[in-house]
C-alpha atoms as a PDB file:
ATOM      1  CA  UNK A   1       0.000   0.000   0.000  1.00  0.00           C
ATOM      2  CA  UNK A   2       1.378   3.359  -1.116  1.00  0.00           C
ATOM      3  CA  UNK A   3       2.283   5.805   1.576  1.00  0.00           C
ATOM      4  CA  UNK A   4       0.043   8.878   1.942  1.00  0.00           C
ATOM      5  CA  UNK A   5       1.803  12.144   1.241  1.00  0.00           C
ATOM      6  CA  UNK A   6       0.845  15.408   2.970  1.00  0.00           C
ATOM      7  CA  UNK A   7       1.227  19.098   2.351  1.00  0.00           C
ATOM      8  CA  UNK A   8       1.035  22.032   4.815  1.00  0.00           C
ATOM      9  CA  UNK A   9      -2.040  24.217   4.443  1.00  0.00           C
ATOM     10  CA  UNK A  10      -1.107  27.742   5.562  1.00  0.00           C
ATOM     11  CA  UNK A  11      -4.713  28.833   5.912  1.00  0.00           C
ATOM     12  CA  UNK A  12      -5.744  26.121   8.291  1.00  0.00           C
ATOM     13  CA  UNK A  13      -2.274  25.775   9.671  1.00  0.00           C
ATOM     14  CA  UNK A  14      -2.474  22.002   9.358  1.00  0.00           C
ATOM     15  CA  UNK A  15      -1.174  19.082   7.200  1.00  0.00           C
ATOM     16  CA  UNK A  16      -3.597  17.765   4.649  1.00  0.00           C
ATOM     17  CA  UNK A  17      -3.235  14.649   2.525  1.00  0.00           C
ATOM     18  CA  UNK A  18      -2.256  15.100  -1.153  1.00  0.00           C
ATOM     19  CA  UNK A  19      -5.024  13.796  -3.336  1.00  0.00           C
ATOM     20  CA  UNK A  20      -3.959  12.963  -6.947  1.00  0.00           C
ATOM     21  CA  UNK A  21      -6.518  13.106  -9.621  1.00  0.00           C
ATOM     22  CA  UNK A  22      -7.145  10.071 -11.805  1.00  0.00           C
ATOM     23  CA  UNK A  23      -5.848  11.906 -14.869  1.00  0.00           C
ATOM     24  CA  UNK A  24      -2.578  12.828 -13.187  1.00  0.00           C
ATOM     25  CA  UNK A  25      -2.055   9.273 -12.065  1.00  0.00           C
ATOM     26  CA  UNK A  26      -2.582   7.940 -15.566  1.00  0.00           C
ATOM     27  CA  UNK A  27      -0.241  10.597 -16.998  1.00  0.00           C
ATOM     28  CA  UNK A  28       2.491   9.771 -14.531  1.00  0.00           C
ATOM     29  CA  UNK A  29       2.158   6.066 -15.284  1.00  0.00           C
ATOM     30  CA  UNK A  30       2.355   6.626 -19.039  1.00  0.00           C
ATOM     31  CA  UNK A  31       5.412   8.896 -18.599  1.00  0.00           C
ATOM     32  CA  UNK A  32       7.113   6.228 -16.515  1.00  0.00           C
ATOM     33  CA  UNK A  33       6.430   3.544 -19.114  1.00  0.00           C
ATOM     34  CA  UNK A  34       7.756   5.751 -21.936  1.00  0.00           C
ATOM     35  CA  UNK A  35      10.856   6.617 -19.942  1.00  0.00           C
ATOM     36  CA  UNK A  36      11.474   2.958 -19.221  1.00  0.00           C
ATOM     37  CA  UNK A  37      11.065   2.031 -22.899  1.00  0.00           C
ATOM     38  CA  UNK A  38      13.444   4.798 -24.079  1.00  0.00           C
ATOM     39  CA  UNK A  39      16.015   3.895 -21.491  1.00  0.00           C
ATOM     40  CA  UNK A  40      15.748   0.201 -22.400  1.00  0.00           C
ATOM     41  CA  UNK A  41      16.122   0.839 -26.129  1.00  0.00           C
ATOM     42  CA  UNK A  42      19.104   3.130 -25.567  1.00  0.00           C
ATOM     43  CA  UNK A  43      20.760   0.608 -23.244  1.00  0.00           C
ATOM     44  CA  UNK A  44      20.171  -2.226 -25.743  1.00  0.00           C
ATOM     45  CA  UNK A  45      21.699  -0.138 -28.568  1.00  0.00           C
ATOM     46  CA  UNK A  46      24.766   0.585 -26.472  1.00  0.00           C
ATOM     47  CA  UNK A  47      25.178  -3.083 -25.642  1.00  0.00           C
ATOM     48  CA  UNK A  48      24.697  -4.258 -29.227  1.00  0.00           C
ATOM     49  CA  UNK A  49      27.207  -1.782 -30.651  1.00  0.00           C
ATOM     50  CA  UNK A  50      29.871  -2.561 -28.051  1.00  0.00           C
ATOM     51  CA  UNK A  51      31.975  -5.644 -27.371  1.00  0.00           C
ATOM     52  CA  UNK A  52      30.373  -6.227 -24.029  1.00  0.00           C
ATOM     53  CA  UNK A  53      27.923  -8.805 -25.357  1.00  0.00           C
ATOM     54  CA  UNK A  54      27.656 -10.674 -28.662  1.00  0.00           C
ATOM     55  CA  UNK A  55      24.682 -11.973 -30.506  1.00  0.00           C
ATOM     56  CA  UNK A  56      24.432 -15.725 -31.153  1.00  0.00           C
ATOM     57  CA  UNK A  57      25.319 -15.066 -34.819  1.00  0.00           C
ATOM     58  CA  UNK A  58      28.380 -13.050 -33.835  1.00  0.00           C
ATOM     59  CA  UNK A  59      29.453 -15.776 -31.442  1.00  0.00           C
ATOM     60  CA  UNK A  60      29.213 -18.355 -34.251  1.00  0.00           C
ATOM     61  CA  UNK A  61      31.100 -16.079 -36.655  1.00  0.00           C
ATOM     62  CA  UNK A  62      33.815 -15.430 -34.069  1.00  0.00           C
ATOM     63  CA  UNK A  63      34.262 -19.146 -33.518  1.00  0.00           C
ATOM     64  CA  UNK A  64      34.476 -19.720 -37.296  1.00  0.00           C
ATOM     65  CA  UNK A  65      37.072 -16.953 -37.587  1.00  0.00           C
ATOM     66  CA  UNK A  66      39.168 -18.394 -34.770  1.00  0.00           C
ATOM     67  CA  UNK A  67      38.923 -21.817 -36.419  1.00  0.00           C
ATOM     68  CA  UNK A  68      40.055 -20.341 -39.761  1.00  0.00           C
ATOM     69  CA  UNK A  69      43.066 -18.692 -38.113  1.00  0.00           C
ATOM     70  CA  UNK A  70      43.920 -22.027 -36.495  1.00  0.00           C
ATOM     71  CA  UNK A  71      43.580 -23.795 -39.848  1.00  0.00           C
ATOM     72  CA  UNK A  72      45.870 -21.232 -41.530  1.00  0.00           C
ATOM     73  CA  UNK A  73      48.445 -21.760 -38.783  1.00  0.00           C
ATOM     74  CA  UNK A  74      48.275 -25.522 -39.339  1.00  0.00           C
ATOM     75  CA  UNK A  75      48.522 -24.993 -43.101  1.00  0.00           C
ATOM     76  CA  UNK A  76      51.635 -22.845 -42.608  1.00  0.00           C
ATOM     77  CA  UNK A  77      53.218 -25.665 -40.627  1.00  0.00           C
ATOM     78  CA  UNK A  78      52.405 -28.122 -43.420  1.00  0.00           C
ATOM     79  CA  UNK A  79      53.777 -25.658 -45.993  1.00  0.00           C
ATOM     80  CA  UNK A  80      57.009 -25.461 -44.006  1.00  0.00           C
ATOM     81  CA  UNK A  81      57.283 -29.251 -44.030  1.00  0.00           C
ATOM     82  CA  UNK A  82      56.638 -29.353 -47.792  1.00  0.00           C
ATOM     83  CA  UNK A  83      59.199 -26.600 -48.356  1.00  0.00           C
ATOM     84  CA  UNK A  84      61.796 -28.569 -46.394  1.00  0.00           C
ATOM     85  CA  UNK A  85      61.095 -31.745 -48.376  1.00  0.00           C
ATOM     86  CA  UNK A  86      61.214 -29.865 -51.680  1.00  0.00           C
ATOM     87  CA  UNK A  87      64.449 -28.143 -50.657  1.00  0.00           C
ATOM     88  CA  UNK A  88      65.982 -31.556 -49.963  1.00  0.00           C
ATOM     89  CA  UNK A  89      64.844 -32.848 -53.374  1.00  0.00           C
ATOM     90  CA  UNK A  90      66.248 -29.729 -55.071  1.00  0.00           C
ATOM     91  CA  UNK A  91      69.596 -30.151 -53.308  1.00  0.00           C
ATOM     92  CA  UNK A  92      69.860 -33.797 -54.369  1.00  0.00           C
ATOM     93  CA  UNK A  93      68.727 -32.872 -57.867  1.00  0.00           C
ATOM     94  CA  UNK A  94      71.478 -30.251 -58.276  1.00  0.00           C
ATOM     95  CA  UNK A  95      74.299 -31.961 -56.382  1.00  0.00           C
ATOM     96  CA  UNK A  96      73.644 -35.616 -57.163  1.00  0.00           C
ATOM     97  CA  UNK A  97      71.307 -36.413 -60.038  1.00  0.00           C
ATOM     98  CA  UNK A  98      72.321 -33.599 -62.386  1.00  0.00           C
ATOM     99  CA  UNK A  99      76.016 -34.042 -61.576  1.00  0.00           C
ATOM    100  CA  UNK A 100      75.816 -37.791 -62.193  1.00  0.00           C
ATOM    101  CA  UNK A 101      74.102 -37.298 -65.544  1.00  0.00           C
ATOM    102  CA  UNK A 102      76.349 -34.350 -66.475  1.00  0.00           C
ATOM    103  CA  UNK A 103      73.532 -31.800 -66.568  1.00  0.00           C
ATOM    104  CA  UNK A 104      74.006 -28.194 -65.502  1.00  0.00           C
ATOM    105  CA  UNK A 105      72.548 -27.360 -62.061  1.00  0.00           C
ATOM    106  CA  UNK A 106      69.418 -25.199 -61.986  1.00  0.00           C
ATOM    107  CA  UNK A 107      70.259 -21.770 -60.482  1.00  0.00           C
ATOM    108  CA  UNK A 108      68.706 -21.140 -57.075  1.00  0.00           C
ATOM    109  CA  UNK A 109      67.372 -17.796 -58.318  1.00  0.00           C
ATOM    110  CA  UNK A 110      65.352 -19.660 -60.944  1.00  0.00           C
ATOM    111  CA  UNK A 111      64.017 -22.156 -58.436  1.00  0.00           C
ATOM    112  CA  UNK A 112      62.884 -19.556 -55.870  1.00  0.00           C
ATOM    113  CA  UNK A 113      61.760 -16.762 -58.213  1.00  0.00           C
ATOM    114  CA  UNK A 114      58.492 -15.115 -57.231  1.00  0.00           C
ATOM    115  CA  UNK A 115      55.899 -13.401 -59.369  1.00  0.00           C
ATOM    116  CA  UNK A 116      56.521  -9.850 -60.569  1.00  0.00           C
ATOM    117  CA  UNK A 117      54.188  -7.269 -62.051  1.00  0.00           C
ATOM    118  CA  UNK A 118      50.747  -6.424 -60.654  1.00  0.00           C
ATOM    119  CA  UNK A 119      49.726  -7.169 -57.087  1.00  0.00           C
ATOM    120  CA  UNK A 120      48.220 -10.644 -57.319  1.00  0.00           C
ATOM    121  CA  UNK A 121      46.893 -10.471 -53.766  1.00  0.00           C
ATOM    122  CA  UNK A 122      45.104  -7.124 -53.739  1.00  0.00           C
ATOM    123  CA  UNK A 123      41.699  -8.775 -53.270  1.00  0.00           C
ATOM    124  CA  UNK A 124      42.932 -10.425 -50.073  1.00  0.00           C
ATOM    125  CA  UNK A 125      43.994  -7.175 -48.407  1.00  0.00           C
ATOM    126  CA  UNK A 126      41.975  -4.991 -46.039  1.00  0.00           C
ATOM    127  CA  UNK A 127      40.692  -7.708 -43.722  1.00  0.00           C
ATOM    128  CA  UNK A 128      41.420  -8.440 -40.075  1.00  0.00           C
ATOM    129  CA  UNK A 129      43.724 -11.385 -40.893  1.00  0.00           C
ATOM    130  CA  UNK A 130      44.852 -10.356 -44.382  1.00  0.00           C
ATOM    131  CA  UNK A 131      48.547 -10.843 -43.623  1.00  0.00           C
ATOM    132  CA  UNK A 132      48.077 -14.524 -42.749  1.00  0.00           C
ATOM    133  CA  UNK A 133      46.042 -15.158 -45.895  1.00  0.00           C
ATOM    134  CA  UNK A 134      48.375 -13.216 -48.212  1.00  0.00           C
ATOM    135  CA  UNK A 135      51.505 -14.887 -46.816  1.00  0.00           C
ATOM    136  CA  UNK A 136      49.983 -18.336 -47.226  1.00  0.00           C
ATOM    137  CA  UNK A 137      48.873 -17.532 -50.783  1.00  0.00           C
ATOM    138  CA  UNK A 138      52.351 -16.280 -51.715  1.00  0.00           C
ATOM    139  CA  UNK A 139      54.007 -19.396 -50.335  1.00  0.00           C
ATOM    140  CA  UNK A 140      51.561 -21.633 -52.195  1.00  0.00           C
ATOM    141  CA  UNK A 141      52.262 -19.808 -55.458  1.00  0.00           C
ATOM    142  CA  UNK A 142      56.046 -20.043 -55.000  1.00  0.00           C
ATOM    143  CA  UNK A 143      55.747 -23.721 -54.082  1.00  0.00           C
ATOM    144  CA  UNK A 144      53.641 -24.349 -57.185  1.00  0.00           C
ATOM    145  CA  UNK A 145      56.272 -22.709 -59.376  1.00  0.00           C
ATOM    146  CA  UNK A 146      59.096 -24.617 -57.681  1.00  0.00           C
ATOM    147  CA  UNK A 147      57.224 -27.878 -58.232  1.00  0.00           C
ATOM    148  CA  UNK A 148      56.862 -27.075 -61.932  1.00  0.00           C
ATOM    149  CA  UNK A 149      60.609 -26.359 -62.220  1.00  0.00           C
ATOM    150  CA  UNK A 150      61.468 -29.529 -60.296  1.00  0.00           C
ATOM    151  CA  UNK A 151      59.061 -31.601 -62.376  1.00  0.00           C
ATOM    152  CA  UNK A 152      60.714 -30.427 -65.605  1.00  0.00           C
ATOM    153  CA  UNK A 153      64.135 -31.150 -64.109  1.00  0.00           C
ATOM    154  CA  UNK A 154      63.094 -34.692 -63.195  1.00  0.00           C
ATOM    155  CA  UNK A 155      61.722 -35.172 -66.715  1.00  0.00           C
ATOM    156  CA  UNK A 156      65.160 -34.204 -68.017  1.00  0.00           C
ATOM    157  CA  UNK A 157      66.889 -36.530 -65.545  1.00  0.00           C
ATOM    158  CA  UNK A 158      64.542 -39.353 -66.588  1.00  0.00           C
ATOM    159  CA  UNK A 159      65.495 -38.773 -70.214  1.00  0.00           C
ATOM    160  CA  UNK A 160      69.199 -38.722 -69.351  1.00  0.00           C
ATOM    161  CA  UNK A 161      68.805 -41.876 -67.244  1.00  0.00           C
ATOM    162  CA  UNK A 162      67.139 -43.696 -70.122  1.00  0.00           C
ATOM    163  CA  UNK A 163      70.206 -42.858 -72.214  1.00  0.00           C
ATOM    164  CA  UNK A 164      72.718 -43.582 -69.451  1.00  0.00           C
ATOM    165  CA  UNK A 165      73.680 -46.986 -70.855  1.00  0.00           C
ATOM    166  CA  UNK A 166      74.361 -45.389 -74.223  1.00  0.00           C
ATOM    167  CA  UNK A 167      76.224 -42.542 -72.522  1.00  0.00           C
ATOM    168  CA  UNK A 168      78.464 -44.888 -70.540  1.00  0.00           C
ATOM    169  CA  UNK A 169      79.253 -46.839 -73.689  1.00  0.00           C
ATOM    170  CA  UNK A 170      79.926 -43.656 -75.671  1.00  0.00           C
ATOM    171  CA  UNK A 171      82.259 -41.827 -73.279  1.00  0.00           C
ATOM    172  CA  UNK A 172      85.864 -42.304 -74.512  1.00  0.00           C
ATOM    173  CA  UNK A 173      87.090 -44.005 -71.347  1.00  0.00           C
ATOM    174  CA  UNK A 174      89.977 -46.314 -72.321  1.00  0.00           C
ATOM    175  CA  UNK A 175      93.546 -45.768 -73.414  1.00  0.00           C
ATOM    176  CA  UNK A 176      93.776 -45.848 -77.244  1.00  0.00           C
ATOM    177  CA  UNK A 177      96.930 -47.990 -77.167  1.00  0.00           C
ATOM    178  CA  UNK A 178      97.400 -50.920 -74.833  1.00  0.00           C
ATOM    179  CA  UNK A 179     100.117 -50.644 -72.223  1.00  0.00           C
ATOM    180  CA  UNK A 180     101.879 -53.754 -73.508  1.00  0.00           C
ATOM    181  CA  UNK A 181     102.295 -52.065 -76.913  1.00  0.00           C
ATOM    182  CA  UNK A 182     103.568 -48.763 -75.540  1.00  0.00           C
ATOM    183  CA  UNK A 183     107.168 -47.650 -75.454  1.00  0.00           C
ATOM    184  CA  UNK A 184     106.294 -44.631 -73.319  1.00  0.00           C
ATOM    185  CA  UNK A 185     103.982 -41.655 -72.929  1.00  0.00           C
ATOM    186  CA  UNK A 186     105.960 -39.027 -74.811  1.00  0.00           C
ATOM    187  CA  UNK A 187     103.936 -35.968 -73.869  1.00  0.00           C
ATOM    188  CA  UNK A 188     100.808 -34.954 -71.986  1.00  0.00           C
ATOM    189  CA  UNK A 189      98.174 -32.224 -72.195  1.00  0.00           C
ATOM    190  CA  UNK A 190      99.438 -28.678 -71.585  1.00  0.00           C
ATOM    191  CA  UNK A 191     102.299 -26.433 -72.611  1.00  0.00           C
ATOM    192  CA  UNK A 192     105.177 -28.456 -74.064  1.00  0.00           C
ATOM    193  CA  UNK A 193     108.296 -27.735 -76.119  1.00  0.00           C
ATOM    194  CA  UNK A 194     107.592 -27.890 -79.838  1.00  0.00           C
ATOM    195  CA  UNK A 195     109.907 -30.521 -81.473  1.00  0.00           C
ATOM    196  CA  UNK A 196     110.505 -28.300 -84.498  1.00  0.00           C
ATOM    197  CA  UNK A 197     110.617 -24.719 -83.140  1.00  0.00           C
ATOM    198  CA  UNK A 198     111.827 -25.696 -79.637  1.00  0.00           C
ATOM    199  CA  UNK A 199     109.468 -23.063 -78.218  1.00  0.00           C
ATOM    200  CA  UNK A 200     106.677 -23.668 -75.674  1.00  0.00           C
ATOM    201  CA  UNK A 201     103.354 -24.362 -77.365  1.00  0.00           C
ATOM    202  CA  UNK A 202      99.990 -25.614 -76.110  1.00  0.00           C
ATOM    203  CA  UNK A 203      99.739 -29.360 -76.646  1.00  0.00           C
ATOM    204  CA  UNK A 204      96.022 -30.185 -76.816  1.00  0.00           C
ATOM    205  CA  UNK A 205      96.275 -33.948 -76.427  1.00  0.00           C
ATOM    206  CA  UNK A 206      98.514 -36.835 -75.401  1.00  0.00           C
ATOM    207  CA  UNK A 207     101.309 -38.493 -77.398  1.00  0.00           C
ATOM    208  CA  UNK A 208     101.742 -42.265 -77.076  1.00  0.00           C
ATOM    209  CA  UNK A 209     105.018 -43.605 -78.461  1.00  0.00           C
ATOM    210  CA  UNK A 210     104.682 -47.040 -80.059  1.00  0.00           C
ATOM    211  CA  UNK A 211     106.203 -48.911 -83.017  1.00  0.00           C
ATOM    212  CA  UNK A 212     104.799 -48.237 -86.454  1.00  0.00           C
ATOM    213  CA  UNK A 213     101.829 -50.537 -87.103  1.00  0.00           C
ATOM    214  CA  UNK A 214     100.768 -50.814 -83.435  1.00  0.00           C
ATOM    215  CA  UNK A 215      96.933 -51.196 -83.236  1.00  0.00           C
ATOM    216  CA  UNK A 216      94.902 -48.148 -82.207  1.00  0.00           C
ATOM    217  CA  UNK A 217      91.579 -48.766 -80.454  1.00  0.00           C
ATOM    218  CA  UNK A 218      88.364 -46.750 -80.414  1.00  0.00           C
ATOM    219  CA  UNK A 219      87.999 -45.414 -76.884  1.00  0.00           C
ATOM    220  CA  UNK A 220      84.185 -45.371 -76.955  1.00  0.00           C
ATOM    221  CA  UNK A 221      81.198 -46.287 -79.101  1.00  0.00           C
ATOM    222  CA  UNK A 222      80.499 -43.867 -81.918  1.00  0.00           C
ATOM    223  CA  UNK A 223      80.444 -43.069 -85.617  1.00  0.00           C
ATOM    224  CA  UNK A 224      83.545 -42.304 -87.692  1.00  0.00           C
ATOM    225  CA  UNK A 225      83.113 -38.723 -88.907  1.00  0.00           C
ATOM    226  CA  UNK A 226      86.497 -38.357 -90.589  1.00  0.00           C
ATOM    227  CA  UNK A 227      89.166 -40.757 -91.853  1.00  0.00           C
ATOM    228  CA  UNK A 228      91.481 -38.685 -94.065  1.00  0.00           C
ATOM    229  CA  UNK A 229      94.678 -36.632 -94.189  1.00  0.00           C
ATOM    230  CA  UNK A 230      93.145 -33.255 -94.991  1.00  0.00           C
ATOM    231  CA  UNK A 231      93.702 -31.631 -91.563  1.00  0.00           C
ATOM    232  CA  UNK A 232      96.892 -29.577 -91.251  1.00  0.00           C
ATOM    233  CA  UNK A 233      99.601 -31.339 -89.229  1.00  0.00           C
ATOM    234  CA  UNK A 234      97.575 -34.435 -88.293  1.00  0.00           C
ATOM    235  CA  UNK A 235      98.459 -36.516 -91.359  1.00  0.00           C
ATOM    236  CA  UNK A 236      96.247 -39.570 -91.584  1.00  0.00           C
ATOM    237  CA  UNK A 237      93.769 -39.205 -88.775  1.00  0.00           C
ATOM    238  CA  UNK A 238      90.353 -40.343 -87.579  1.00  0.00           C
ATOM    239  CA  UNK A 239      87.633 -38.487 -85.704  1.00  0.00           C
ATOM    240  CA  UNK A 240      84.910 -40.423 -83.912  1.00  0.00           C
ATOM    241  CA  UNK A 241      81.676 -38.737 -82.836  1.00  0.00           C
ATOM    242  CA  UNK A 242      80.547 -40.523 -79.675  1.00  0.00           C
ATOM    243  CA  UNK A 243      77.389 -38.472 -79.190  1.00  0.00           C
ATOM    244  CA  UNK A 244      76.498 -36.561 -76.014  1.00  0.00           C
ATOM    245  CA  UNK A 245      78.988 -33.871 -77.092  1.00  0.00           C
ATOM    246  CA  UNK A 246      82.066 -36.166 -77.098  1.00  0.00           C
ATOM    247  CA  UNK A 247      84.484 -36.454 -80.041  1.00  0.00           C
ATOM    248  CA  UNK A 248      87.851 -38.248 -80.057  1.00  0.00           C
ATOM    249  CA  UNK A 249      90.739 -37.666 -82.501  1.00  0.00           C
ATOM    250  CA  UNK A 250      93.548 -40.063 -83.476  1.00  0.00           C
ATOM    251  CA  UNK A 251      96.410 -38.551 -85.540  1.00  0.00           C
ATOM    252  CA  UNK A 252      99.643 -39.480 -87.411  1.00  0.00           C
ATOM    253  CA  UNK A 253      98.319 -42.948 -88.322  1.00  0.00           C
ATOM    254  CA  UNK A 254      99.990 -45.195 -90.877  1.00  0.00           C
ATOM    255  CA  UNK A 255      96.692 -46.604 -92.186  1.00  0.00           C
ATOM    256  CA  UNK A 256      92.983 -46.904 -91.365  1.00  0.00           C
ATOM    257  CA  UNK A 257      90.874 -49.934 -90.622  1.00  0.00           C
ATOM    258  CA  UNK A 258      87.559 -48.084 -90.668  1.00  0.00           C
ATOM    259  CA  UNK A 259      85.915 -45.619 -93.021  1.00  0.00           C
ATOM    260  CA  UNK A 260      83.774 -42.506 -92.748  1.00  0.00           C
ATOM    261  CA  UNK A 261      80.233 -43.187 -91.523  1.00  0.00           C
ATOM    262  CA  UNK A 262      81.101 -46.539 -89.966  1.00  0.00           C
ATOM    263  CA  UNK A 263      79.822 -47.399 -86.478  1.00  0.00           C
ATOM    264  CA  UNK A 264      82.513 -48.567 -84.073  1.00  0.00           C
ATOM    265  CA  UNK A 265      82.519 -50.078 -80.585  1.00  0.00           C
ATOM    266  CA  UNK A 266      84.843 -49.328 -77.697  1.00  0.00           C
ATOM    267  CA  UNK A 267      87.949 -51.485 -77.975  1.00  0.00           C
ATOM    268  CA  UNK A 268      87.583 -52.016 -81.732  1.00  0.00           C
ATOM    269  CA  UNK A 269      90.743 -51.522 -83.832  1.00  0.00           C
ATOM    270  CA  UNK A 270      90.338 -48.443 -86.031  1.00  0.00           C
ATOM    271  CA  UNK A 271      93.881 -48.056 -87.425  1.00  0.00           C
ATOM    272  CA  UNK A 272      97.591 -48.287 -86.777  1.00  0.00           C
ATOM    273  CA  UNK A 273     100.357 -46.080 -85.397  1.00  0.00           C
ATOM    274  CA  UNK A 274     102.357 -44.150 -87.967  1.00  0.00           C
ATOM    275  CA  UNK A 275     104.463 -41.060 -88.542  1.00  0.00           C
ATOM    276  CA  UNK A 276     102.365 -39.070 -91.011  1.00  0.00           C
ATOM    277  CA  UNK A 277     101.817 -35.324 -90.907  1.00  0.00           C
ATOM    278  CA  UNK A 278     103.750 -33.010 -88.593  1.00  0.00           C
ATOM    279  CA  UNK A 279     105.416 -35.711 -86.511  1.00  0.00           C
ATOM    280  CA  UNK A 280     108.887 -36.203 -85.067  1.00  0.00           C
ATOM    281  CA  UNK A 281     108.568 -39.991 -84.832  1.00  0.00           C
ATOM    282  CA  UNK A 282     106.088 -42.882 -84.813  1.00  0.00           C
ATOM    283  CA  UNK A 283     103.430 -42.144 -82.241  1.00  0.00           C
ATOM    284  CA  UNK A 284      99.706 -41.564 -81.727  1.00  0.00           C
ATOM    285  CA  UNK A 285      98.457 -38.052 -80.959  1.00  0.00           C
ATOM    286  CA  UNK A 286      95.131 -38.395 -79.126  1.00  0.00           C
ATOM    287  CA  UNK A 287      92.607 -35.663 -78.291  1.00  0.00           C
ATOM    288  CA  UNK A 288      89.131 -35.480 -76.725  1.00  0.00           C
ATOM    289  CA  UNK A 289      86.526 -32.768 -77.365  1.00  0.00           C
ATOM    290  CA  UNK A 290      83.477 -32.087 -75.188  1.00  0.00           C
ATOM    291  CA  UNK A 291      80.878 -29.747 -76.670  1.00  0.00           C
ATOM    292  CA  UNK A 292      83.507 -28.454 -79.083  1.00  0.00           C
ATOM    293  CA  UNK A 293      86.119 -27.723 -76.411  1.00  0.00           C
ATOM    294  CA  UNK A 294      89.394 -29.647 -76.106  1.00  0.00           C
ATOM    295  CA  UNK A 295      89.803 -31.290 -72.714  1.00  0.00           C
ATOM    296  CA  UNK A 296      92.531 -33.328 -71.041  1.00  0.00           C
ATOM    297  CA  UNK A 297      92.255 -37.013 -72.114  1.00  0.00           C
ATOM    298  CA  UNK A 298      93.950 -37.995 -68.867  1.00  0.00           C
ATOM    299  CA  UNK A 299      90.610 -37.567 -67.080  1.00  0.00           C
ATOM    300  CA  UNK A 300      89.027 -40.421 -69.060  1.00  0.00           C
ATOM    301  CA  UNK A 301      91.288 -43.468 -68.613  1.00  0.00           C
ATOM    302  CA  UNK A 302      89.154 -45.172 -65.995  1.00  0.00           C
ATOM    303  CA  UNK A 303      87.957 -47.959 -68.283  1.00  0.00           C
ATOM    304  CA  UNK A 304      91.091 -50.109 -68.569  1.00  0.00           C
ATOM    305  CA  UNK A 305      93.717 -48.839 -66.115  1.00  0.00           C
ATOM    306  CA  UNK A 306      94.279 -49.852 -62.508  1.00  0.00           C
ATOM    307  CA  UNK A 307      94.906 -47.214 -59.859  1.00  0.00           C
ATOM    308  CA  UNK A 308      98.640 -47.925 -59.944  1.00  0.00           C
ATOM    309  CA  UNK A 309      98.775 -47.722 -63.742  1.00  0.00           C
ATOM    310  CA  UNK A 310      96.837 -44.467 -63.703  1.00  0.00           C
ATOM    311  CA  UNK A 311      99.260 -42.939 -61.152  1.00  0.00           C
ATOM    312  CA  UNK A 312     102.211 -43.855 -63.371  1.00  0.00           C
ATOM    313  CA  UNK A 313     100.444 -42.383 -66.416  1.00  0.00           C
ATOM    314  CA  UNK A 314      99.594 -39.236 -64.461  1.00  0.00           C
ATOM    315  CA  UNK A 315     103.234 -38.665 -63.472  1.00  0.00           C
ATOM    316  CA  UNK A 316     104.448 -39.198 -67.029  1.00  0.00           C
ATOM    317  CA  UNK A 317     101.798 -36.968 -68.580  1.00  0.00           C
ATOM    318  CA  UNK A 318     102.539 -34.100 -66.184  1.00  0.00           C
ATOM    319  CA  UNK A 319     106.219 -33.919 -67.109  1.00  0.00           C
ATOM    320  CA  UNK A 320     106.957 -30.757 -69.066  1.00  0.00           C
ATOM    321  CA  UNK A 321     108.931 -32.442 -71.827  1.00  0.00           C
ATOM    322  CA  UNK A 322     108.952 -32.159 -75.603  1.00  0.00           C
ATOM    323  CA  UNK A 323     105.956 -33.226 -77.666  1.00  0.00           C
ATOM    324  CA  UNK A 324     106.283 -35.279 -80.851  1.00  0.00           C
ATOM    325  CA  UNK A 325     104.081 -33.061 -83.025  1.00  0.00           C
END
């Protein structure tokens, strides 16, 4: 029961109860209800626009967002593992497979090159977790490109491997004159004294001294490209194209046993030692070319020499003596 309120009547000098009219009571009640509604709406607006409370939909969205961030973190860990595995494959590819099959290594700059030009990730920017998404996208793109490069490299290695048997048979890997037929190794690869001018001159091959008529052997499988005496200084000579960029040359021969265009096998007799052309005595001048460049034949005698025999040959070939041509 509401308490009765009084007011002081100055005329009667007494307190009289305050009597509210029905209209005033209804007005006060309506004003209270309106005030309560306005206050409630304002309070609800403040709560909804602040982080104090979240709607069920916002709670679900927040959980989904947190789950996405977690999934991106897990994906980054998996990307790191894939990058490590790919890096290991790339290292073996460059330092093992490509070396074994005599293929040039793929530059690291080519393997790890990114994507230039326009910003490929502009549509992913401007969000709360844009950096995570952009970084992951970049790493995926780089990985995709690296996989393409590695796939092409493995295709090349597969092709080289399929030809490895032919390559091993083609490489000129034996001595062109047997040790039992040799008198000595007269001169090796490098600067030697010219037998005619007595001045130092680059000697591009090796000279094997042997009696006239000593058999000369093909050092690898191939096709005879030349068997003539039309090259200055070489006299009667033979050139064999072994494929894979290898060519061997045999000079100062007395006669041939093969002809131009003929296929030969390693160890097959192709001619005989002589003294034709610019020569100071019966011997074989032997050269090897790789991709058009003359290289030291000494690096290829692993097919028919023991370690001891190779050491003896190495010491003889490195002596700065006089060549025979």
